[in-house]
Amino acid sequence: MLEKGAPDSVLLAAHRAALQIGEVHLSINLRIPPPLRKFTEGRDSFASTAGNLAELFDALEKEFPGIKKNLCQADGSPQRFVNIYVNDEDIRFLGGAGYRFHDGDEVLLVPAIAGGCASTL
């Protein structure tokens, strides 16, 4: 068993090795953008064997307690302001929260950011 906080390169290598001997069905990589890194101890990626979005959110919560409430609504569905991409494709066009990840999928969570300043013209 790998320790919490192990480098992602070590985690991915372990997942791929396990995949080769049939212990794990898949390995995905979650890219974490800067606005969410305050919840992930500064990590910019997270390796997981999650099969779907719900499992990914559960795995994130296990690794980074408290992050799930910032990504999900009370029913477990993604917050409206969190855009999710799988291999650069919006997950809504892949089947939404019911999408099943495939080995090697690259997942990106993008929180919507609003703001700016009024024009001074």
N, C-alpha and C. Protein backbone atom coordinates (compact mmCIF):
# COMPACT_ATOMS: atom_id res chain seq x y z
N MET A 1 0.85 -1.17 0.00
CA MET A 1 0.00 0.00 0.00
C MET A 1 0.89 1.23 0.00
N LEU A 2 0.59 2.17 -0.86
CA LEU A 2 1.36 3.41 -0.93
C LEU A 2 0.86 4.40 0.10
N GLU A 3 1.75 5.20 0.60
CA GLU A 3 1.40 6.17 1.62
C GLU A 3 0.71 7.38 1.02
N LYS A 4 -0.16 8.00 1.82
CA LYS A 4 -0.81 9.24 1.43
C LYS A 4 0.26 10.27 1.15
N GLY A 5 0.11 11.00 0.05
CA GLY A 5 1.05 12.04 -0.28
C GLY A 5 2.23 11.56 -1.11
N ALA A 6 2.22 10.29 -1.52
CA ALA A 6 3.31 9.80 -2.37
C ALA A 6 3.28 10.58 -3.68
N PRO A 7 4.44 10.82 -4.29
CA PRO A 7 4.48 11.57 -5.56
C PRO A 7 3.61 10.89 -6.61
N ASP A 8 2.96 11.71 -7.45
CA ASP A 8 2.06 11.17 -8.46
C ASP A 8 2.77 10.23 -9.44
N SER A 9 4.04 10.50 -9.75
CA SER A 9 4.75 9.60 -10.66
C SER A 9 4.87 8.20 -10.05
N VAL A 10 5.07 8.13 -8.75
CA VAL A 10 5.14 6.84 -8.06
C VAL A 10 3.77 6.17 -8.07
N LEU A 11 2.73 6.95 -7.81
CA LEU A 11 1.37 6.41 -7.81
C LEU A 11 0.99 5.88 -9.18
N LEU A 12 1.25 6.65 -10.23
CA LEU A 12 0.90 6.21 -11.57
C LEU A 12 1.67 4.94 -11.94
N ALA A 13 2.96 4.87 -11.60
CA ALA A 13 3.74 3.68 -11.89
C ALA A 13 3.16 2.47 -11.16
N ALA A 14 2.77 2.66 -9.91
CA ALA A 14 2.19 1.56 -9.14
C ALA A 14 0.86 1.11 -9.74
N HIS A 15 0.04 2.07 -10.16
CA HIS A 15 -1.25 1.72 -10.76
C HIS A 15 -1.05 0.96 -12.07
N ARG A 16 -0.10 1.43 -12.88
CA ARG A 16 0.15 0.76 -14.16
C ARG A 16 0.70 -0.65 -13.94
N ALA A 17 1.57 -0.81 -12.95
CA ALA A 17 2.11 -2.14 -12.64
C ALA A 17 0.98 -3.06 -12.17
N ALA A 18 0.09 -2.54 -11.33
CA ALA A 18 -1.03 -3.34 -10.86
C ALA A 18 -1.96 -3.70 -12.01
N LEU A 19 -2.13 -2.79 -12.94
CA LEU A 19 -2.98 -3.04 -14.11
C LEU A 19 -2.42 -4.22 -14.92
N GLN A 20 -1.11 -4.27 -15.06
CA GLN A 20 -0.49 -5.33 -15.84
C GLN A 20 -0.70 -6.70 -15.21
N ILE A 21 -0.82 -6.78 -13.90
CA ILE A 21 -1.02 -8.08 -13.27
C ILE A 21 -2.49 -8.30 -12.89
N GLY A 22 -3.37 -7.40 -13.36
CA GLY A 22 -4.79 -7.61 -13.20
C GLY A 22 -5.40 -7.19 -11.88
N GLU A 23 -4.69 -6.44 -11.06
CA GLU A 23 -5.24 -6.04 -9.78
C GLU A 23 -6.10 -4.78 -9.86
N VAL A 24 -5.88 -3.96 -10.86
CA VAL A 24 -6.58 -2.69 -11.01
C VAL A 24 -7.15 -2.64 -12.41
N HIS A 25 -8.35 -2.11 -12.52
CA HIS A 25 -9.00 -2.08 -13.82
C HIS A 25 -8.57 -0.89 -14.67
N LEU A 26 -8.21 0.22 -14.04
CA LEU A 26 -7.83 1.37 -14.81
C LEU A 26 -7.06 2.37 -13.95
N SER A 27 -6.45 3.30 -14.63
CA SER A 27 -5.73 4.37 -13.95
C SER A 27 -6.05 5.67 -14.66
N ILE A 28 -6.49 6.65 -13.92
CA ILE A 28 -6.76 7.96 -14.49
C ILE A 28 -5.91 8.99 -13.75
N ASN A 29 -5.73 10.13 -14.39
CA ASN A 29 -4.98 11.21 -13.78
C ASN A 29 -5.86 12.46 -13.74
N LEU A 30 -5.99 13.03 -12.57
CA LEU A 30 -6.75 14.26 -12.40
C LEU A 30 -5.77 15.41 -12.34
N ARG A 31 -5.94 16.38 -13.21
CA ARG A 31 -5.13 17.60 -13.17
C ARG A 31 -5.89 18.62 -12.32
N ILE A 32 -5.17 19.21 -11.38
CA ILE A 32 -5.78 20.14 -10.44
C ILE A 32 -5.30 21.55 -10.73
N PRO A 33 -6.21 22.44 -11.13
CA PRO A 33 -5.80 23.81 -11.46
C PRO A 33 -5.48 24.62 -10.20
N PRO A 34 -4.71 25.69 -10.34
CA PRO A 34 -4.28 26.49 -9.19
C PRO A 34 -5.39 26.89 -8.21
N PRO A 35 -6.59 27.29 -8.65
CA PRO A 35 -7.60 27.70 -7.66
C PRO A 35 -8.03 26.59 -6.70
N LEU A 36 -7.84 25.33 -7.09
CA LEU A 36 -8.25 24.21 -6.22
C LEU A 36 -7.09 23.64 -5.41
N ARG A 37 -5.89 24.08 -5.67
CA ARG A 37 -4.72 23.51 -4.98
C ARG A 37 -4.67 23.84 -3.51
N LYS A 38 -5.41 24.85 -3.08
CA LYS A 38 -5.45 25.14 -1.64
C LYS A 38 -6.12 24.00 -0.88
N PHE A 39 -6.90 23.17 -1.58
CA PHE A 39 -7.56 22.03 -0.96
C PHE A 39 -6.75 20.74 -1.10
N THR A 40 -5.69 20.76 -1.92
CA THR A 40 -4.91 19.55 -2.21
C THR A 40 -3.46 19.66 -1.75
N GLU A 41 -3.23 20.49 -0.77
CA GLU A 41 -1.87 20.66 -0.23
C GLU A 41 -0.89 21.08 -1.32
N GLY A 42 -1.39 21.83 -2.31
CA GLY A 42 -0.55 22.34 -3.38
C GLY A 42 -0.30 21.39 -4.53
N ARG A 43 -0.83 20.16 -4.44
CA ARG A 43 -0.60 19.18 -5.52
C ARG A 43 -1.33 19.60 -6.78
N ASP A 44 -0.69 19.38 -7.92
CA ASP A 44 -1.28 19.76 -9.20
C ASP A 44 -1.87 18.57 -9.96
N SER A 45 -1.73 17.37 -9.40
CA SER A 45 -2.35 16.21 -10.02
C SER A 45 -2.64 15.15 -8.97
N PHE A 46 -3.48 14.21 -9.36
CA PHE A 46 -3.92 13.16 -8.45
C PHE A 46 -4.20 11.92 -9.28
N ALA A 47 -3.53 10.82 -8.99
CA ALA A 47 -3.75 9.56 -9.68
C ALA A 47 -4.84 8.78 -8.96
N SER A 48 -5.71 8.15 -9.74
CA SER A 48 -6.83 7.43 -9.14
C SER A 48 -7.23 6.23 -9.98
N THR A 49 -7.89 5.29 -9.34
CA THR A 49 -8.47 4.15 -10.05
C THR A 49 -9.99 4.27 -10.10
N ALA A 50 -10.51 5.47 -9.87
CA ALA A 50 -11.96 5.69 -9.88
C ALA A 50 -12.55 5.31 -11.23
N GLY A 51 -13.71 4.70 -11.18
CA GLY A 51 -14.39 4.29 -12.41
C GLY A 51 -15.35 5.32 -12.94
N ASN A 52 -15.75 6.25 -12.09
CA ASN A 52 -16.68 7.30 -12.51
C ASN A 52 -16.47 8.54 -11.64
N LEU A 53 -17.25 9.56 -11.89
CA LEU A 53 -17.09 10.83 -11.20
C LEU A 53 -17.36 10.70 -9.70
N ALA A 54 -18.39 9.97 -9.32
CA ALA A 54 -18.71 9.80 -7.90
C ALA A 54 -17.54 9.14 -7.16
N GLU A 55 -16.96 8.11 -7.77
CA GLU A 55 -15.82 7.44 -7.15
C GLU A 55 -14.61 8.36 -7.08
N LEU A 56 -14.44 9.21 -8.10
CA LEU A 56 -13.32 10.16 -8.09
C LEU A 56 -13.48 11.16 -6.96
N PHE A 57 -14.69 11.69 -6.79
CA PHE A 57 -14.93 12.64 -5.70
C PHE A 57 -14.71 11.97 -4.34
N ASP A 58 -15.12 10.71 -4.20
CA ASP A 58 -14.90 9.98 -2.94
C ASP A 58 -13.40 9.78 -2.69
N ALA A 59 -12.65 9.44 -3.74
CA ALA A 59 -11.20 9.25 -3.60
C ALA A 59 -10.51 10.56 -3.22
N LEU A 60 -10.96 11.65 -3.83
CA LEU A 60 -10.40 12.96 -3.47
C LEU A 60 -10.69 13.30 -2.02
N GLU A 61 -11.90 13.03 -1.58
CA GLU A 61 -12.28 13.32 -0.19
C GLU A 61 -11.46 12.49 0.79
N LYS A 62 -11.19 11.26 0.42
CA LYS A 62 -10.38 10.40 1.30
C LYS A 62 -8.96 10.94 1.42
N GLU A 63 -8.41 11.42 0.30
CA GLU A 63 -7.03 11.93 0.29
C GLU A 63 -6.94 13.35 0.85
N PHE A 64 -7.97 14.17 0.56
CA PHE A 64 -7.98 15.58 0.96
C PHE A 64 -9.30 15.89 1.65
N PRO A 65 -9.45 15.53 2.91
CA PRO A 65 -10.72 15.74 3.62
C PRO A 65 -11.21 17.18 3.52
N GLY A 66 -12.50 17.30 3.15
CA GLY A 66 -13.12 18.61 3.03
C GLY A 66 -13.22 19.13 1.62
N ILE A 67 -12.51 18.52 0.67
CA ILE A 67 -12.53 19.04 -0.70
C ILE A 67 -13.88 18.78 -1.38
N LYS A 68 -14.52 17.68 -1.03
CA LYS A 68 -15.75 17.28 -1.73
C LYS A 68 -16.85 18.32 -1.61
N LYS A 69 -16.97 18.96 -0.46
CA LYS A 69 -18.03 19.95 -0.30
C LYS A 69 -17.81 21.17 -1.20
N ASN A 70 -16.58 21.36 -1.67
CA ASN A 70 -16.28 22.45 -2.58
C ASN A 70 -16.50 22.08 -4.04
N LEU A 71 -16.64 20.79 -4.30
CA LEU A 71 -16.81 20.32 -5.67
C LEU A 71 -18.21 19.78 -5.95
N CYS A 72 -18.90 19.31 -4.90
CA CYS A 72 -20.18 18.63 -5.07
C CYS A 72 -21.31 19.30 -4.29
N GLN A 73 -22.51 19.08 -4.80
CA GLN A 73 -23.70 19.48 -4.07
C GLN A 73 -24.01 18.40 -3.04
N ALA A 74 -24.99 18.62 -2.19
CA ALA A 74 -25.32 17.68 -1.12
C ALA A 74 -25.66 16.28 -1.66
N ASP A 75 -26.24 16.21 -2.86
CA ASP A 75 -26.61 14.91 -3.44
C ASP A 75 -25.44 14.21 -4.15
N GLY A 76 -24.26 14.84 -4.14
CA GLY A 76 -23.08 14.24 -4.76
C GLY A 76 -22.84 14.67 -6.19
N SER A 77 -23.80 15.38 -6.79
CA SER A 77 -23.60 15.85 -8.15
C SER A 77 -22.64 17.04 -8.14
N PRO A 78 -21.93 17.25 -9.25
CA PRO A 78 -20.96 18.35 -9.28
C PRO A 78 -21.64 19.72 -9.09
N GLN A 79 -20.93 20.61 -8.42
CA GLN A 79 -21.42 21.98 -8.30
C GLN A 79 -21.57 22.56 -9.70
N ARG A 80 -22.52 23.45 -9.86
CA ARG A 80 -22.75 24.07 -11.19
C ARG A 80 -21.54 24.83 -11.68
N PHE A 81 -20.77 25.39 -10.77
CA PHE A 81 -19.63 26.22 -11.18
C PHE A 81 -18.35 25.43 -11.41
N VAL A 82 -18.41 24.10 -11.33
CA VAL A 82 -17.24 23.28 -11.60
C VAL A 82 -17.43 22.60 -12.96
N ASN A 83 -16.57 22.95 -13.90
CA ASN A 83 -16.59 22.33 -15.22
C ASN A 83 -15.61 21.17 -15.21
N ILE A 84 -16.02 20.06 -15.80
CA ILE A 84 -15.21 18.84 -15.77
C ILE A 84 -14.93 18.40 -17.20
N TYR A 85 -13.65 18.17 -17.48
CA TYR A 85 -13.23 17.75 -18.80
C TYR A 85 -12.51 16.41 -18.70
N VAL A 86 -12.79 15.54 -19.67
CA VAL A 86 -12.09 14.26 -19.76
C VAL A 86 -11.41 14.24 -21.13
N ASN A 87 -10.09 14.16 -21.10
CA ASN A 87 -9.32 14.22 -22.34
C ASN A 87 -9.71 15.43 -23.18
N ASP A 88 -9.84 16.56 -22.51
CA ASP A 88 -10.17 17.86 -23.12
C ASP A 88 -11.59 17.94 -23.69
N GLU A 89 -12.44 16.99 -23.36
CA GLU A 89 -13.84 17.00 -23.80
C GLU A 89 -14.73 17.24 -22.58
N ASP A 90 -15.68 18.16 -22.70
CA ASP A 90 -16.60 18.45 -21.60
C ASP A 90 -17.37 17.18 -21.25
N ILE A 91 -17.34 16.80 -19.97
CA ILE A 91 -17.97 15.55 -19.55
C ILE A 91 -19.48 15.54 -19.81
N ARG A 92 -20.08 16.72 -19.89
CA ARG A 92 -21.53 16.78 -20.19
C ARG A 92 -21.85 16.18 -21.54
N PHE A 93 -20.89 16.24 -22.48
CA PHE A 93 -21.11 15.70 -23.82
C PHE A 93 -20.68 14.23 -23.92
N LEU A 94 -20.18 13.70 -22.82
CA LEU A 94 -19.77 12.30 -22.78
C LEU A 94 -20.72 11.44 -21.96
N GLY A 95 -21.78 12.04 -21.45
CA GLY A 95 -22.74 11.31 -20.64
C GLY A 95 -22.89 11.86 -19.24
N GLY A 96 -22.22 12.96 -18.96
CA GLY A 96 -22.36 13.61 -17.65
C GLY A 96 -21.77 12.79 -16.53
N ALA A 97 -22.39 12.88 -15.36
CA ALA A 97 -21.87 12.20 -14.17
C ALA A 97 -21.87 10.68 -14.33
N GLY A 98 -22.63 10.16 -15.28
CA GLY A 98 -22.68 8.71 -15.51
C GLY A 98 -21.54 8.20 -16.38
N TYR A 99 -20.70 9.08 -16.88
CA TYR A 99 -19.58 8.67 -17.73
C TYR A 99 -18.66 7.73 -16.97
N ARG A 100 -18.28 6.61 -17.61
CA ARG A 100 -17.34 5.65 -17.02
C ARG A 100 -15.95 5.97 -17.55
N PHE A 101 -15.00 6.20 -16.65
CA PHE A 101 -13.64 6.50 -17.05
C PHE A 101 -13.01 5.29 -17.74
N HIS A 102 -12.04 5.58 -18.59
CA HIS A 102 -11.26 4.55 -19.28
C HIS A 102 -9.81 4.67 -18.83
N ASP A 103 -9.09 3.58 -18.93
CA ASP A 103 -7.69 3.58 -18.54
C ASP A 103 -6.95 4.68 -19.29
N GLY A 104 -6.20 5.48 -18.55
CA GLY A 104 -5.41 6.55 -19.14
C GLY A 104 -6.14 7.88 -19.30
N ASP A 105 -7.41 7.94 -18.92
CA ASP A 105 -8.14 9.20 -19.04
C ASP A 105 -7.45 10.29 -18.23
N GLU A 106 -7.46 11.49 -18.79
CA GLU A 106 -6.94 12.68 -18.13
C GLU A 106 -8.15 13.54 -17.79
N VAL A 107 -8.36 13.80 -16.50
CA VAL A 107 -9.52 14.54 -16.03
C VAL A 107 -9.06 15.89 -15.52
N LEU A 108 -9.81 16.93 -15.85
CA LEU A 108 -9.50 18.27 -15.41
C LEU A 108 -10.73 18.90 -14.78
N LEU A 109 -10.59 19.43 -13.57
CA LEU A 109 -11.65 20.17 -12.89
C LEU A 109 -11.35 21.65 -13.05
N VAL A 110 -12.31 22.40 -13.59
CA VAL A 110 -12.10 23.83 -13.79
C VAL A 110 -13.21 24.60 -13.10
N PRO A 111 -12.90 25.24 -11.98
CA PRO A 111 -13.93 26.05 -11.32
C PRO A 111 -14.14 27.34 -12.11
N ALA A 112 -15.40 27.72 -12.27
CA ALA A 112 -15.70 28.98 -12.94
C ALA A 112 -15.24 30.12 -12.05
N ILE A 113 -14.62 31.08 -12.65
CA ILE A 113 -14.12 32.23 -11.88
C ILE A 113 -14.77 33.47 -12.46
N ALA A 114 -15.39 34.24 -11.58
CA ALA A 114 -16.05 35.48 -12.01
C ALA A 114 -15.35 36.65 -11.36
N GLY A 115 -15.60 37.80 -11.89
CA GLY A 115 -15.03 38.99 -11.29
C GLY A 115 -14.52 39.93 -12.33
N GLY A 116 -13.65 40.78 -11.93
CA GLY A 116 -13.11 41.78 -12.83
C GLY A 116 -13.47 43.15 -12.30
N CYS A 117 -13.25 44.13 -13.10
CA CYS A 117 -13.58 45.48 -12.67
C CYS A 117 -14.34 46.18 -13.75
N ALA A 118 -15.06 47.19 -13.36
CA ALA A 118 -15.86 47.96 -14.30
C ALA A 118 -14.93 48.78 -15.19
N SER A 119 -15.35 48.97 -16.40
CA SER A 119 -14.58 49.78 -17.34
C SER A 119 -14.59 51.24 -16.90
N THR A 120 -13.50 51.90 -17.08
CA THR A 120 -13.40 53.31 -16.71
C THR A 120 -13.41 54.22 -17.92
N LEU A 121 -13.94 53.71 -19.05
CA LEU A 121 -13.99 54.52 -20.27
C LEU A 121 -14.89 55.64 -20.12
